[in-house]
Amino acid sequence: MHSSKTQSFSLLKLIILALLGTISLVLFFINFPLPFLPTPYLKIDFSEVPALMAAFIFSPLAGVIVVAIKNILYLAIGGGELIGVLANFITGVLFIVPVALMYHKYKGVKSVISGLVTGTIVMALGMSVLNYFLILPAYGWFMGWEMTEQLKWFSVYAGILPFNLIKGIVVGLLFVPLFLKMRQWIEEKQAGLA
């Protein structure tokens, strides 16, 4: 009997994660560039919000799974090339995991806010380093562009770093009021899953 209860819980969890992954994909298409940055290909979207919900209800890994589902679906519908999709996945993981870890450790509004700040910094610095050393050179090679040191530095300092800082702030400003509205529901779901 216990085994069937575990199986039905696992199935329910899988359905919830798939649903949140699909919502995340829809939110990914509702995006806008920051006109004052020299990188029009970087667009702000709110697709991390369902992943944060999954990470809060279940675990940081559940949030990572939602980010993975979004990116796999995006790739499946021909929405992007592999390098961009991988970069988006890594960005999501770098942002969501620190927020979820802080929330699960301290379980309060302060931990959500400090988690969002930490996640924003980790994402901005992590993506700056990864873009400089891996992602931009990979794009350069893939597109046949000459990726000079000056171009990489300019892309990171004028585009990627400020973009990810702003993205973290914007997503955080949307997520905190949403969390406050849904906190009781999230905690009830956690209690029901315990």
Protein backbone atom coordinates (compact mmCIF):
# COMPACT_ATOMS: atom_id res chain seq x y z
CA MET A 1 0.00 0.00 0.00
CA HIS A 2 2.82 2.38 0.93
CA SER A 3 4.43 1.75 -2.47
CA SER A 4 1.29 2.80 -4.40
CA LYS A 5 1.03 5.99 -2.30
CA THR A 6 4.68 6.78 -3.13
CA GLN A 7 4.02 6.06 -6.82
CA SER A 8 0.95 8.32 -6.93
CA PHE A 9 2.92 11.09 -5.17
CA SER A 10 5.76 10.70 -7.69
CA LEU A 11 3.27 10.87 -10.57
CA LEU A 12 1.59 13.95 -9.09
CA LYS A 13 4.98 15.62 -8.64
CA LEU A 14 5.93 14.79 -12.23
CA ILE A 15 2.63 16.25 -13.53
CA ILE A 16 3.12 19.45 -11.48
CA LEU A 17 6.72 19.84 -12.71
CA ALA A 18 5.67 19.25 -16.35
CA LEU A 19 2.87 21.80 -15.97
CA LEU A 20 5.20 24.37 -14.39
CA GLY A 21 7.76 23.68 -17.14
CA THR A 22 5.10 24.36 -19.80
CA ILE A 23 3.97 27.58 -18.05
CA SER A 24 7.65 28.55 -17.87
CA LEU A 25 7.95 28.09 -21.66
CA VAL A 26 4.88 30.30 -22.27
CA LEU A 27 6.35 33.01 -20.00
CA PHE A 28 9.66 32.68 -21.87
CA PHE A 29 7.94 34.00 -25.01
CA ILE A 30 6.64 37.08 -23.16
CA ASN A 31 9.90 38.99 -23.13
CA PHE A 32 11.41 42.40 -23.75
CA PRO A 33 14.92 43.72 -24.43
CA LEU A 34 16.53 46.48 -22.38
CA PRO A 35 16.88 49.30 -24.95
CA PHE A 36 19.84 50.95 -23.19
CA LEU A 37 22.03 47.82 -23.40
CA PRO A 38 24.06 47.03 -26.54
CA THR A 39 22.84 43.40 -26.53
CA PRO A 40 19.35 43.23 -28.11
CA TYR A 41 19.48 39.40 -28.08
CA LEU A 42 19.33 39.46 -24.27
CA LYS A 43 15.68 39.72 -23.27
CA ILE A 44 14.05 39.80 -19.85
CA ASP A 45 11.32 37.24 -19.26
CA PHE A 46 9.61 35.75 -16.23
CA SER A 47 10.12 32.05 -16.99
CA GLU A 48 12.08 31.55 -13.74
CA VAL A 49 8.95 32.26 -11.65
CA PRO A 50 7.34 28.77 -12.13
CA ALA A 51 10.77 27.21 -11.49
CA LEU A 52 11.05 29.15 -8.23
CA MET A 53 7.56 27.90 -7.26
CA ALA A 54 8.63 24.29 -7.91
CA ALA A 55 11.87 24.84 -5.98
CA PHE A 56 9.93 26.26 -3.01
CA ILE A 57 7.20 23.59 -2.95
CA PHE A 58 9.51 20.59 -3.51
CA SER A 59 13.28 21.22 -3.59
CA PRO A 60 16.00 23.13 -5.46
CA LEU A 61 16.28 20.11 -7.80
CA ALA A 62 12.59 20.46 -8.74
CA GLY A 63 13.30 24.05 -9.80
CA VAL A 64 16.21 22.85 -11.94
CA ILE A 65 13.92 20.23 -13.54
CA VAL A 66 11.38 22.94 -14.47
CA VAL A 67 14.17 25.03 -16.08
CA ALA A 68 15.30 21.90 -17.96
CA ILE A 69 11.75 21.13 -19.16
CA LYS A 70 11.34 24.72 -20.43
CA ASN A 71 14.62 24.57 -22.36
CA ILE A 72 14.00 21.08 -23.79
CA LEU A 73 10.54 22.16 -24.99
CA TYR A 74 12.02 25.36 -26.45
CA LEU A 75 14.64 23.34 -28.33
CA ALA A 76 12.00 20.80 -29.46
CA ILE A 77 9.83 23.49 -31.09
CA GLY A 78 12.89 24.89 -32.87
CA GLY A 79 13.02 28.01 -30.74
CA GLY A 80 16.76 28.36 -30.50
CA GLU A 81 20.20 26.92 -31.06
CA LEU A 82 21.94 24.63 -28.58
CA ILE A 83 24.46 27.18 -27.21
CA GLY A 84 21.74 29.73 -26.36
CA VAL A 85 19.50 27.07 -24.81
CA LEU A 86 22.37 25.72 -22.68
CA ALA A 87 23.25 29.28 -21.60
CA ASN A 88 19.61 29.88 -20.63
CA PHE A 89 19.53 26.63 -18.63
CA ILE A 90 22.75 27.50 -16.74
CA THR A 91 21.45 31.04 -16.08
CA GLY A 92 18.24 29.62 -14.58
CA VAL A 93 20.12 27.13 -12.40
CA LEU A 94 22.56 29.79 -11.11
CA PHE A 95 19.61 31.99 -10.15
CA ILE A 96 17.12 29.47 -8.74
CA VAL A 97 19.37 27.17 -6.67
CA PRO A 98 20.71 29.88 -4.26
CA VAL A 99 17.17 31.29 -3.76
CA ALA A 100 15.73 27.84 -3.06
CA LEU A 101 18.56 26.84 -0.72
CA MET A 102 18.14 30.03 1.36
CA TYR A 103 14.36 29.58 1.46
CA HIS A 104 14.50 25.92 2.55
CA LYS A 105 17.09 26.71 5.21
CA TYR A 106 15.31 29.67 6.85
CA LYS A 107 11.69 29.58 5.51
CA GLY A 108 10.75 33.24 5.69
CA VAL A 109 10.26 36.39 3.64
CA LYS A 110 13.74 37.64 4.64
CA SER A 111 15.29 34.40 3.37
CA VAL A 112 13.41 34.78 0.06
CA ILE A 113 14.70 38.36 -0.37
CA SER A 114 18.28 37.51 0.66
CA GLY A 115 18.07 34.42 -1.59
CA LEU A 116 16.95 36.57 -4.54
CA VAL A 117 19.85 38.97 -3.92
CA THR A 118 22.31 36.05 -3.66
CA GLY A 119 20.83 34.33 -6.72
CA THR A 120 21.06 37.56 -8.74
CA ILE A 121 24.74 38.05 -7.81
CA VAL A 122 25.61 34.38 -8.45
CA MET A 123 23.79 34.47 -11.81
CA ALA A 124 25.34 37.79 -12.91
CA LEU A 125 28.91 36.88 -11.93
CA GLY A 126 28.61 33.23 -13.02
CA MET A 127 27.22 34.11 -16.46
CA SER A 128 29.83 36.86 -16.91
CA VAL A 129 32.66 34.36 -16.31
CA LEU A 130 31.02 31.59 -18.39
CA ASN A 131 30.29 33.99 -21.26
CA TYR A 132 33.84 35.33 -21.28
CA PHE A 133 35.54 31.94 -21.21
CA LEU A 134 33.06 29.56 -22.87
CA ILE A 135 29.77 30.86 -24.28
CA LEU A 136 31.00 33.85 -26.35
CA PRO A 137 33.97 31.90 -27.81
CA ALA A 138 31.54 29.03 -28.65
CA TYR A 139 29.16 31.49 -30.37
CA GLY A 140 32.10 33.04 -32.21
CA TRP A 141 33.26 29.64 -33.43
CA PHE A 142 29.71 28.52 -34.30
CA MET A 143 28.80 31.73 -36.19
CA GLY A 144 32.23 32.23 -37.75
CA TRP A 145 32.80 35.55 -35.93
CA GLU A 146 36.15 36.72 -34.70
CA MET A 147 35.72 36.95 -30.92
CA THR A 148 38.43 39.38 -29.84
CA GLU A 149 39.35 40.09 -26.20
CA GLN A 150 37.91 43.62 -26.54
CA LEU A 151 34.62 42.29 -27.91
CA LYS A 152 34.34 39.71 -25.12
CA TRP A 153 35.11 42.31 -22.41
CA PHE A 154 32.65 44.78 -23.94
CA SER A 155 29.92 42.11 -24.24
CA VAL A 156 30.38 41.07 -20.61
CA TYR A 157 30.73 44.52 -19.01
CA ALA A 158 28.26 46.47 -21.18
CA GLY A 159 25.73 43.69 -21.77
CA ILE A 160 25.79 40.41 -19.87
CA LEU A 161 26.70 41.63 -16.36
CA PRO A 162 24.22 44.56 -16.18
CA PHE A 163 21.55 42.52 -17.97
CA ASN A 164 21.67 39.66 -15.44
CA LEU A 165 21.71 42.08 -12.49
CA ILE A 166 18.64 43.88 -13.87
CA LYS A 167 16.94 40.58 -14.74
CA GLY A 168 17.42 39.29 -11.18
CA ILE A 169 16.00 42.52 -9.73
CA VAL A 170 12.98 42.53 -12.09
CA VAL A 171 12.17 38.85 -11.49
CA GLY A 172 12.65 39.41 -7.73
CA LEU A 173 10.31 42.42 -7.73
CA LEU A 174 7.64 40.27 -9.40
CA PHE A 175 8.28 37.17 -7.30
CA VAL A 176 8.26 38.69 -3.77
CA PRO A 177 4.62 39.96 -3.92
CA LEU A 178 3.60 36.71 -5.62
CA PHE A 179 5.31 34.72 -2.86
CA LEU A 180 3.59 36.83 -0.17
CA LYS A 181 0.20 36.09 -1.78
CA MET A 182 0.95 32.39 -2.23
CA ARG A 183 3.03 31.73 0.90
CA GLN A 184 0.24 30.04 2.83
CA TRP A 185 -0.63 27.85 -0.18
CA ILE A 186 3.05 26.90 -0.70
CA GLU A 187 3.42 25.98 2.98
CA GLU A 188 0.20 23.92 2.87
CA LYS A 189 1.53 22.04 -0.17
CA GLN A 190 4.84 21.41 1.63
CA ALA A 191 2.97 20.12 4.70
CA GLY A 192 0.83 17.88 2.50
CA LEU A 193 3.94 16.48 0.81
CA ALA A 194 5.86 15.87 4.03
